[in-house]
Protein backbone atom coordinates (compact mmCIF):
# COMPACT_ATOMS: atom_id res chain seq x y z
CA UNK A 1 11.49 62.92 12.60
CA UNK A 2 8.71 63.12 9.99
CA UNK A 3 10.26 60.30 7.95
CA UNK A 4 10.64 58.19 11.09
CA UNK A 5 6.95 58.75 12.01
CA UNK A 6 5.82 57.79 8.51
CA UNK A 7 7.93 54.62 8.71
CA UNK A 8 6.37 53.65 12.04
CA UNK A 9 2.90 54.19 10.60
CA UNK A 10 3.72 51.99 7.61
CA UNK A 11 4.94 49.23 9.89
CA UNK A 12 1.99 49.47 12.28
CA UNK A 13 0.10 46.78 10.35
CA UNK A 14 2.33 44.54 8.27
CA UNK A 15 1.40 42.52 5.18
CA UNK A 16 1.06 38.83 6.08
CA UNK A 17 3.79 37.42 3.80
CA UNK A 18 5.32 34.41 5.57
CA UNK A 19 4.96 36.00 8.98
CA UNK A 20 1.64 34.26 9.67
CA UNK A 21 1.63 30.47 9.88
CA UNK A 22 -0.88 27.71 10.43
CA UNK A 23 -0.26 26.88 14.09
CA UNK A 24 -2.73 24.16 15.07
CA UNK A 25 -5.48 22.13 13.39
CA UNK A 26 -8.28 20.07 14.86
CA UNK A 27 -10.09 17.89 12.31
CA UNK A 28 -11.73 15.61 14.89
CA UNK A 29 -13.44 18.04 17.26
CA UNK A 30 -16.34 16.09 18.76
CA UNK A 31 -16.60 17.32 22.36
CA UNK A 32 -14.05 20.16 22.49
CA UNK A 33 -14.54 23.85 21.79
CA UNK A 34 -17.99 24.93 20.57
CA UNK A 35 -18.80 27.86 18.32
CA UNK A 36 -21.48 30.48 18.92
CA UNK A 37 -24.01 28.16 17.26
CA UNK A 38 -23.33 25.50 19.89
CA UNK A 39 -21.61 23.18 17.39
CA UNK A 40 -18.34 21.29 17.75
CA UNK A 41 -16.84 22.32 14.44
CA UNK A 42 -13.34 21.48 13.25
CA UNK A 43 -10.99 24.45 13.33
CA UNK A 44 -7.62 25.87 12.35
CA UNK A 45 -5.55 28.39 14.27
CA UNK A 46 -3.18 30.93 12.71
CA UNK A 47 -0.25 32.47 14.56
CA UNK A 48 1.49 35.78 13.96
CA UNK A 49 5.22 35.26 14.47
CA UNK A 50 5.98 39.00 14.47
CA UNK A 51 5.85 41.76 17.06
CA UNK A 52 3.38 43.82 15.00
CA UNK A 53 -0.25 43.29 13.93
CA UNK A 54 -0.66 41.72 10.48
CA UNK A 55 -3.38 42.56 7.96
CA UNK A 56 -5.10 39.44 6.57
CA UNK A 57 -7.66 41.25 4.40
CA UNK A 58 -8.29 39.24 1.25
CA UNK A 59 -6.15 36.28 2.31
CA UNK A 60 -7.49 32.82 1.62
CA UNK A 61 -8.03 29.58 3.54
CA UNK A 62 -8.84 26.31 1.81
CA UNK A 63 -8.96 22.56 2.39
CA UNK A 64 -7.51 21.70 -1.03
CA UNK A 65 -4.05 22.51 -2.38
CA UNK A 66 -5.31 22.66 -5.97
CA UNK A 67 -8.09 25.10 -5.00
CA UNK A 68 -6.38 27.53 -2.63
CA UNK A 69 -8.84 30.41 -3.06
CA UNK A 70 -11.92 28.95 -1.35
CA UNK A 71 -12.69 31.32 1.53
CA UNK A 72 -11.33 34.84 2.03
CA UNK A 73 -10.87 36.88 5.16
CA UNK A 74 -12.98 40.03 4.95
CA UNK A 75 -11.44 43.47 4.74
CA UNK A 76 -10.15 44.78 8.04
CA UNK A 77 -9.20 41.37 9.42
CA UNK A 78 -5.99 41.59 11.45
CA UNK A 79 -4.11 39.21 13.69
CA UNK A 80 -2.47 40.74 16.77
CA UNK A 81 1.26 40.89 17.35
CA UNK A 82 2.43 37.43 18.45
CA UNK A 83 -1.26 36.57 18.53
CA UNK A 84 -3.66 33.95 17.20
CA UNK A 85 -6.70 33.89 14.96
CA UNK A 86 -9.06 30.92 14.69
CA UNK A 87 -11.28 29.87 11.83
CA UNK A 88 -14.07 27.35 12.25
CA UNK A 89 -14.23 25.01 9.25
CA UNK A 90 -17.99 24.75 9.48
CA UNK A 91 -19.14 25.36 5.88
CA UNK A 92 -21.32 28.22 7.19
CA UNK A 93 -19.42 30.75 5.03
CA UNK A 94 -20.09 33.57 7.45
CA UNK A 95 -18.59 36.03 9.85
CA UNK A 96 -20.23 36.40 13.25
CA UNK A 97 -18.93 38.56 16.10
CA UNK A 98 -15.60 37.12 17.16
CA UNK A 99 -15.81 34.11 14.80
CA UNK A 100 -14.75 33.27 11.25
CA UNK A 101 -16.61 30.43 9.53
CA UNK A 102 -15.22 29.01 6.29
CA UNK A 103 -17.18 27.75 3.29
CA UNK A 104 -15.81 24.22 3.70
CA UNK A 105 -15.39 21.46 6.24
CA UNK A 106 -12.36 19.26 6.97
CA UNK A 107 -12.23 15.55 6.22
CA UNK A 108 -9.28 13.44 7.34
CA UNK A 109 -10.17 10.67 4.90
CA UNK A 110 -10.43 12.84 1.77
CA UNK A 111 -6.86 14.08 1.30
CA UNK A 112 -7.77 17.40 2.91
CA UNK A 113 -5.23 20.05 3.89
CA UNK A 114 -5.42 23.40 5.60
CA UNK A 115 -4.00 25.91 3.13
CA UNK A 116 -3.24 29.59 3.76
CA UNK A 117 -2.73 31.79 0.69
CA UNK A 118 -2.14 35.46 -0.04
CA UNK A 119 -4.68 37.53 -1.98
CA UNK A 120 -3.20 36.36 -5.30
CA UNK A 121 -3.68 32.71 -4.36
CA UNK A 122 0.01 32.06 -3.70
CA UNK A 123 0.26 29.44 -0.97
CA UNK A 124 1.99 30.74 2.16
CA UNK A 125 1.50 27.69 4.40
CA UNK A 126 0.04 24.23 3.88
CA UNK A 127 -0.66 21.44 6.37
CA UNK A 128 -1.90 18.00 5.31
CA UNK A 129 -4.36 16.21 7.59
CA UNK A 130 -2.10 13.18 7.54
CA UNK A 131 -1.39 11.35 9.71
CA UNK A 132 -4.92 11.76 11.06
CA UNK A 133 -5.90 12.34 14.68
CA UNK A 134 -8.23 10.47 16.98
CA UNK A 135 -11.36 12.10 18.41
CA UNK A 136 -10.73 15.45 20.12
CA UNK A 137 -6.99 15.42 19.41
CA UNK A 138 -5.13 17.97 17.27
CA UNK A 139 -1.85 18.52 15.49
CA UNK A 140 0.08 21.72 15.87
CA UNK A 141 3.47 23.31 15.97
CA UNK A 142 5.31 21.92 19.00
CA UNK A 143 5.35 25.43 20.41
CA UNK A 144 3.80 28.52 18.83
CA UNK A 145 5.43 29.19 15.45
CA UNK A 146 7.97 26.34 15.78
CA UNK A 147 9.23 24.49 12.70
CA UNK A 148 8.31 21.08 14.14
CA UNK A 149 4.81 19.63 14.43
CA UNK A 150 3.44 17.41 17.18
CA UNK A 151 0.37 15.54 18.33
CA UNK A 152 -1.74 17.12 21.08
CA UNK A 153 -4.14 15.05 23.15
CA UNK A 154 -5.51 18.27 24.67
CA UNK A 155 -5.92 20.90 21.92
CA UNK A 156 -5.37 24.56 22.77
CA UNK A 157 -7.54 26.73 20.49
CA UNK A 158 -6.62 30.40 20.88
CA UNK A 159 -3.99 29.51 23.49
CA UNK A 160 -0.29 28.69 23.49
CA UNK A 161 0.72 25.28 22.11
CA UNK A 162 2.15 23.21 24.96
CA UNK A 163 2.20 19.66 26.27
CA UNK A 164 2.93 17.85 23.00
CA UNK A 165 2.37 14.09 23.07
CA UNK A 166 4.38 11.24 21.58
CA UNK A 167 2.84 9.74 18.45
CA UNK A 168 0.19 7.04 18.65
CA UNK A 169 1.33 3.44 18.89
CA UNK A 170 1.62 1.71 15.51
CA UNK A 171 -1.63 0.58 13.95
CA UNK A 172 -2.18 -3.20 13.80
CA UNK A 173 -2.83 -5.19 10.64
CA UNK A 174 -5.64 -7.71 10.28
CA UNK A 175 -5.34 -10.64 7.90
CA UNK A 176 -7.18 -11.70 5.82
CA UNK A 177 -8.76 -8.50 4.54
CA UNK A 178 -12.47 -7.88 4.89
CA UNK A 179 -14.59 -10.15 2.76
CA UNK A 180 -16.71 -13.28 2.39
CA UNK A 181 -14.90 -16.48 3.26
CA UNK A 182 -17.69 -19.07 3.76
CA UNK A 183 -16.98 -21.14 6.85
CA UNK A 184 -14.47 -20.85 9.66
CA UNK A 185 -11.66 -18.35 8.99
CA UNK A 186 -8.36 -17.94 10.81
CA UNK A 187 -7.73 -14.25 11.49
CA UNK A 188 -4.23 -13.01 12.33
CA UNK A 189 -3.46 -9.70 14.02
CA UNK A 190 0.02 -8.22 13.59
CA UNK A 191 1.95 -4.99 13.84
CA UNK A 192 3.13 -5.27 17.43
CA UNK A 193 6.45 -3.39 17.56
CA UNK A 194 7.73 -5.16 20.65
CA UNK A 195 6.63 -2.42 23.05
CA UNK A 196 2.89 -2.80 22.43
CA UNK A 197 0.16 -5.31 23.17
CA UNK A 198 -2.69 -5.91 20.73
CA UNK A 199 -6.18 -5.90 22.21
CA UNK A 200 -9.26 -6.74 20.15
CA UNK A 201 -13.04 -6.97 20.11
CA UNK A 202 -15.36 -9.14 18.05
CA UNK A 203 -18.46 -6.93 18.13
CA UNK A 204 -17.11 -3.87 16.30
CA UNK A 205 -16.68 -1.85 19.50
CA UNK A 206 -13.56 0.19 20.19
CA UNK A 207 -10.94 -1.99 21.95
CA UNK A 208 -9.50 -0.83 25.27
CA UNK A 209 -6.64 -2.03 27.45
CA UNK A 210 -9.23 -4.23 29.21
CA UNK A 211 -10.29 -5.97 25.96
CA UNK A 212 -9.00 -9.49 25.20
CA UNK A 213 -5.27 -9.67 24.50
CA UNK A 214 -4.25 -11.18 21.17
CA UNK A 215 -1.87 -14.12 21.48
CA UNK A 216 -2.85 -16.54 18.70
CA UNK A 217 -4.92 -16.54 15.46
CA UNK A 218 -8.66 -16.11 15.99
CA UNK A 219 -11.06 -18.67 14.59
CA UNK A 220 -14.06 -16.79 13.15
CA UNK A 221 -17.01 -19.01 12.16
CA UNK A 222 -19.83 -16.45 11.88
CA UNK A 223 -20.10 -12.97 10.40
CA UNK A 224 -17.99 -10.83 12.74
CA UNK A 225 -16.49 -7.35 12.88
CA UNK A 226 -12.97 -7.79 14.23
CA UNK A 227 -11.47 -4.60 15.63
CA UNK A 228 -7.92 -4.34 16.99
CA UNK A 229 -5.63 -1.72 18.51
CA UNK A 230 -2.06 -1.53 19.82
CA UNK A 231 -1.43 -0.37 23.38
CA UNK A 232 2.13 0.69 24.17
CA UNK A 233 3.98 -0.12 27.39
CA UNK A 234 6.00 3.08 26.95
CA UNK A 235 4.68 5.74 29.33
CA UNK A 236 2.88 8.58 27.59
CA UNK A 237 2.43 6.83 24.23
CA UNK A 238 -1.28 6.87 23.31
CA UNK A 239 -2.95 3.77 21.91
CA UNK A 240 -3.14 3.32 18.16
CA UNK A 241 -6.08 3.86 15.90
CA UNK A 242 -8.15 0.71 15.93
CA UNK A 243 -8.65 -1.15 12.67
CA UNK A 244 -12.03 -2.80 11.94
CA UNK A 245 -12.43 -5.68 9.48
CA UNK A 246 -15.65 -7.48 8.51
CA UNK A 247 -15.21 -11.23 8.19
CA UNK A 248 -18.42 -12.45 6.56
CA UNK A 249 -19.85 -15.93 6.41
CA UNK A 250 -22.70 -14.64 4.20
CA UNK A 251 -22.21 -13.26 0.72
CA UNK A 252 -23.13 -9.64 0.00
CA UNK A 253 -23.65 -8.70 3.65
CA UNK A 254 -23.65 -4.89 3.99
CA UNK A 255 -20.94 -3.16 5.98
CA UNK A 256 -22.43 -2.10 9.36
CA UNK A 257 -23.19 1.61 9.69
């Protein structure tokens, strides 16, 4: 009985090993969950796949694969059995009641990852922020701890992953590329996969399903920001990322901020 009691005590809080996984990541949190500072910071959620609490003391989270030991969980950090633990990637490098804040932020355009490593720096889980997400969307395991990953239009920080979405429609191409062309330029939009319609704007604004529909090359005679997106006819498929291109009739014009 004594040996059995000692064994139970040893298993009460397990080492993390591969039992804790990165479960969901939001790198485009603009109007979603706020932290205790009132900020909409990007975040990552960990999930404990086991039926026992797991000790994360000294484990590391990073945004770069080649620098896995960026921010460490403080001593005494545990994740509940079949539970979740969030970290805000806020660059605050602090622990406040109920919140973990890393020493780095996430950037979808800078080859960032979310990397979980053990105290020695050995990578346990690694998720690239590619393909990227649109504003207030996330990517996560299709269900908690699953092997597959999906897009979520409604993120679920600290809650069960559910309601995965199909991928965005394919992103359109704009030809020619951004640049100075001097005079009228014929601009072609392509990338329609047969189930999508391309909509565009000529003022740099985000296209919607109500924006003009592309059907023939556009004649651009003045400096214009052409922006285009694909909108699928398949139910449930979200519109693509829009692609902006500056067609300039004036040399050395700055890209609009």
